[in-house]
Protein backbone atom coordinates (compact mmCIF):
# COMPACT_ATOMS: atom_id res chain seq x y z
CA MET A 1 -24.64 -9.60 9.79
CA ALA A 2 -21.17 -11.09 11.10
CA ASN A 3 -23.82 -13.56 13.14
CA GLN A 4 -25.48 -14.75 9.35
CA LYS A 5 -21.93 -14.97 8.00
CA ASN A 6 -20.75 -17.58 10.83
CA GLU A 7 -24.28 -19.70 10.09
CA ILE A 8 -22.51 -20.23 6.74
CA PRO A 9 -19.64 -23.47 6.83
CA GLU A 10 -16.42 -22.43 6.04
CA ILE A 11 -16.00 -25.26 3.61
CA VAL A 12 -18.90 -23.65 1.47
CA ILE A 13 -16.90 -20.23 1.66
CA SER A 14 -13.93 -21.97 0.46
CA ARG A 15 -15.40 -23.83 -2.65
CA LEU A 16 -17.03 -19.90 -3.97
CA PRO A 17 -13.56 -18.40 -4.93
CA ILE A 18 -13.16 -21.76 -6.91
CA TYR A 19 -16.47 -21.35 -8.59
CA LEU A 20 -15.47 -17.78 -9.13
CA GLN A 21 -12.02 -18.54 -10.93
CA LYS A 22 -13.51 -20.84 -13.02
CA LEU A 23 -16.64 -18.44 -14.41
CA ASN A 24 -14.15 -16.30 -15.23
CA GLN A 25 -12.68 -18.44 -17.16
CA VAL A 26 -15.14 -20.27 -19.01
CA LEU A 27 -16.32 -15.73 -19.73
CA LYS A 28 -13.14 -15.36 -21.15
CA GLU A 29 -14.24 -18.53 -23.73
CA GLY A 30 -17.47 -16.61 -24.34
CA LYS A 31 -19.66 -18.55 -22.72
CA THR A 32 -22.83 -17.04 -21.31
CA LEU A 33 -24.56 -19.48 -19.95
CA ILE A 34 -23.57 -22.35 -17.59
CA SER A 35 -25.00 -25.34 -16.13
CA SER A 36 -24.56 -26.50 -12.73
CA GLN A 37 -23.47 -30.05 -14.33
CA GLU A 38 -21.24 -28.45 -16.50
CA LEU A 39 -19.52 -26.68 -13.72
CA ALA A 40 -19.29 -29.57 -11.80
CA ASP A 41 -17.90 -31.50 -14.65
CA HIS A 42 -15.11 -28.60 -14.73
CA LEU A 43 -14.32 -28.73 -11.21
CA GLY A 44 -14.67 -32.25 -10.20
CA VAL A 45 -17.41 -31.53 -7.53
CA THR A 46 -21.44 -32.98 -7.97
CA ALA A 47 -23.73 -30.83 -9.73
CA THR A 48 -26.06 -31.10 -6.56
CA GLN A 49 -23.12 -30.05 -4.04
CA ILE A 50 -22.68 -26.69 -6.44
CA ARG A 51 -26.36 -25.78 -6.57
CA LYS A 52 -26.36 -26.51 -2.22
CA ASP A 53 -24.12 -24.22 -2.06
CA LEU A 54 -25.35 -21.32 -3.99
CA SER A 55 -28.73 -22.00 -2.15
CA ASN A 56 -27.16 -20.69 0.89
CA PHE A 57 -26.76 -17.25 -0.59
CA GLY A 58 -30.39 -17.21 -2.71
CA GLY A 59 -31.60 -18.51 -5.70
CA PHE A 60 -29.31 -18.40 -8.82
CA GLY A 61 -30.19 -19.66 -12.78
CA LYS A 62 -33.34 -21.60 -13.43
CA GLN A 63 -34.25 -24.58 -14.00
CA GLY A 64 -33.04 -26.04 -17.65
CA SER A 65 -31.02 -22.99 -18.39
CA GLY A 66 -28.44 -22.85 -16.42
CA TYR A 67 -26.71 -19.54 -14.39
CA ASN A 68 -26.01 -16.56 -16.47
CA VAL A 69 -22.19 -16.19 -16.04
CA VAL A 70 -21.87 -12.70 -15.75
CA LYS A 71 -24.60 -12.69 -12.84
CA LEU A 72 -23.13 -15.22 -11.27
CA LEU A 73 -20.12 -13.54 -11.53
CA GLU A 74 -21.13 -10.43 -10.29
CA SER A 75 -23.53 -12.63 -7.29
CA LEU A 76 -19.94 -14.18 -6.03
CA ARG A 77 -18.15 -10.88 -6.18
CA ASP A 78 -20.53 -9.20 -3.97
CA ILE A 79 -20.91 -12.59 -1.63
CA LEU A 80 -17.21 -12.69 -1.15
CA ASN A 81 -16.82 -8.96 -0.62
CA LEU A 82 -14.78 -8.57 -4.01
CA ASN A 83 -16.28 -5.58 -5.27
CA ARG A 84 -13.64 -3.41 -3.63
CA ILE A 85 -10.10 -3.35 -3.52
CA TRP A 86 -8.56 -4.41 -0.64
CA LYS A 87 -5.44 -3.29 1.40
CA ALA A 88 -2.77 -5.58 2.79
CA ALA A 89 0.58 -5.16 4.71
CA LEU A 90 3.16 -7.57 4.58
CA PHE A 91 5.45 -8.45 7.29
CA GLY A 92 8.82 -10.16 6.49
CA VAL A 93 10.54 -9.00 3.32
CA GLY A 94 13.10 -11.81 2.88
CA ASN A 95 12.88 -14.12 -0.39
CA LEU A 96 9.73 -15.15 -0.28
CA GLY A 97 8.28 -11.58 0.79
CA GLN A 98 9.88 -10.12 -1.91
CA ALA A 99 8.08 -12.84 -4.18
CA LEU A 100 4.76 -11.89 -3.10
CA LEU A 101 5.84 -8.17 -3.57
CA SER A 102 6.56 -8.67 -6.67
CA TYR A 103 3.33 -11.32 -7.56
CA LYS A 104 0.97 -9.03 -9.86
CA GLY A 105 -2.07 -11.34 -8.99
CA PHE A 106 -2.95 -9.95 -6.16
CA SER A 107 -3.48 -6.35 -7.83
CA SER A 108 -5.46 -8.47 -10.82
CA LYS A 109 -7.70 -10.12 -7.87
CA GLY A 110 -8.39 -7.14 -5.75
CA PHE A 111 -6.37 -6.85 -3.60
CA GLU A 112 -2.91 -4.78 -2.84
CA ILE A 113 0.30 -5.00 -0.66
CA VAL A 114 0.86 -1.16 0.54
CA ALA A 115 3.45 -1.67 3.33
CA ALA A 116 5.94 -4.17 3.93
CA PHE A 117 7.70 -4.29 7.21
CA ASP A 118 10.85 -6.48 8.29
CA ASN A 119 13.24 -6.01 11.39
CA ASP A 120 16.58 -6.33 9.28
CA PRO A 121 18.40 -3.24 9.13
CA GLN A 122 20.05 -3.62 5.05
CA LEU A 123 16.18 -3.99 4.16
CA VAL A 124 14.42 -0.95 6.46
CA GLY A 125 14.33 1.72 4.12
CA LYS A 126 15.03 0.17 0.38
CA GLU A 127 12.35 0.34 -1.87
CA ILE A 128 10.79 -2.87 -2.98
CA LYS A 129 8.24 -2.72 -6.10
CA GLY A 130 7.58 0.69 -5.11
CA ILE A 131 6.99 -0.29 -1.58
CA THR A 132 9.62 1.29 0.78
CA VAL A 133 10.40 -1.10 3.79
CA GLN A 134 9.15 -0.26 7.62
CA SER A 135 10.66 -1.09 10.49
CA VAL A 136 8.76 -3.76 12.38
CA ASP A 137 9.33 -1.22 15.32
CA ASP A 138 7.31 1.14 14.14
CA MET A 139 4.59 -0.58 12.91
CA GLU A 140 1.85 0.36 15.37
CA LYS A 141 2.48 4.09 14.47
CA GLY A 142 1.36 3.60 11.01
CA MET A 143 -0.91 0.87 11.00
CA CYS A 144 -3.56 1.08 13.70
CA ALA A 145 -5.21 3.62 12.72
CA SER A 146 -5.17 2.78 9.16
CA GLU A 147 -7.99 1.18 6.71
CA VAL A 148 -5.45 -2.04 6.27
CA LYS A 149 -6.94 -4.83 8.25
CA ILE A 150 -5.11 -7.72 6.10
CA ALA A 151 -1.87 -8.58 7.03
CA ILE A 152 0.42 -11.09 5.43
CA ILE A 153 3.20 -13.38 7.40
CA THR A 154 6.52 -14.51 5.95
CA VAL A 155 8.50 -14.18 9.38
CA PRO A 156 10.18 -17.04 10.81
CA ALA A 157 8.14 -19.45 12.99
CA GLY A 158 9.81 -18.38 15.91
CA GLN A 159 8.64 -14.55 15.41
CA ALA A 160 4.96 -15.57 13.64
CA GLN A 161 3.03 -15.50 17.21
CA ALA A 162 4.64 -12.54 18.78
CA LEU A 163 4.17 -10.75 15.61
CA ALA A 164 0.66 -12.25 15.37
CA ASN A 165 -0.44 -11.10 18.62
CA ARG A 166 0.66 -7.51 17.86
CA LEU A 167 -1.50 -7.27 14.83
CA VAL A 168 -4.60 -8.38 16.50
CA ASP A 169 -3.88 -5.56 19.37
CA CYS A 170 -3.62 -3.45 16.20
CA GLY A 171 -6.79 -4.17 14.68
CA PHE A 172 -6.21 -6.90 12.03
CA LYS A 173 -8.73 -9.15 10.96
CA ALA A 174 -7.61 -11.54 8.61
CA ILE A 175 -3.95 -12.70 8.63
CA LEU A 176 -2.66 -14.93 5.48
CA ASN A 177 0.48 -17.19 7.35
CA TYR A 178 3.13 -18.26 5.39
CA ALA A 179 5.45 -19.20 8.87
CA PRO A 180 5.44 -23.01 9.56
CA VAL A 181 3.75 -22.60 12.77
CA THR A 182 -0.16 -22.37 13.86
CA LEU A 183 -1.13 -19.39 15.56
CA VAL A 184 -3.23 -19.29 18.39
CA LEU A 185 -5.37 -16.07 17.63
CA PRO A 186 -8.73 -15.06 18.79
CA GLU A 187 -11.64 -16.91 17.13
CA GLU A 188 -13.04 -13.46 15.04
CA VAL A 189 -9.37 -13.08 13.56
CA LYS A 190 -9.32 -15.52 10.47
CA VAL A 191 -6.14 -16.87 9.43
CA SER A 192 -5.52 -19.23 6.90
CA ASN A 193 -1.85 -20.86 6.76
CA ILE A 194 -0.05 -21.84 4.12
CA ASP A 195 2.65 -24.26 4.40
CA PRO A 196 4.00 -25.39 1.12
CA VAL A 197 6.49 -28.46 3.33
CA LEU A 198 2.99 -29.68 4.70
CA VAL A 199 1.52 -30.31 1.48
CA LEU A 200 4.59 -32.10 -0.02
CA GLN A 201 4.40 -34.42 3.26
CA LYS A 202 1.03 -35.01 3.02
CA MET A 203 1.43 -36.09 -1.15
CA ALA A 204 4.17 -38.29 0.14
CA TYR A 205 2.29 -40.43 1.71
CA TYR A 206 0.67 -41.37 -1.66
CA LEU A 207 4.21 -42.02 -3.63
CA ASP A 208 5.64 -45.72 -4.21
């Protein structure tokens, strides 16, 4: 199964949540059917691209009648493994970490932060948004044998790689990395980097 998943180009997988987001929106608007062209017009991609992406996972919709919005939503949620609640652990409870703990978008989309860790003595033991901050030194005690396999890192750049190595050894399979550094990890560990400064630097190129 893992090998089959790896056969699908990552760029295709990255577009599926965008399709899912738009389908949720049109469903709220009361729409029950949508064509690939209509979906493409909303998203700025081509209808051909959408049909090609979806063809990787079987047949959806009928020629001339479009996609059933609810059925396509359910299929995409199954493909993305979003038919369950995924638990995550947060590492780094500074300003950004606390903002993430306060963010309600995770729970509404199938993700729940269930543990938080930091190395600041003033934060360890403090309860934030219903979660008691634990010491990073104690991470292995509670996490390695748990079902939590998603980590969110918001620690300083100089601490990120060492922490990520510990997380991999502990059995974490996916890391959302907000630290401004590229992590070097085994290929089987999925890492997504979010660095707003890099994005702004790229945008600045287009400004006069």
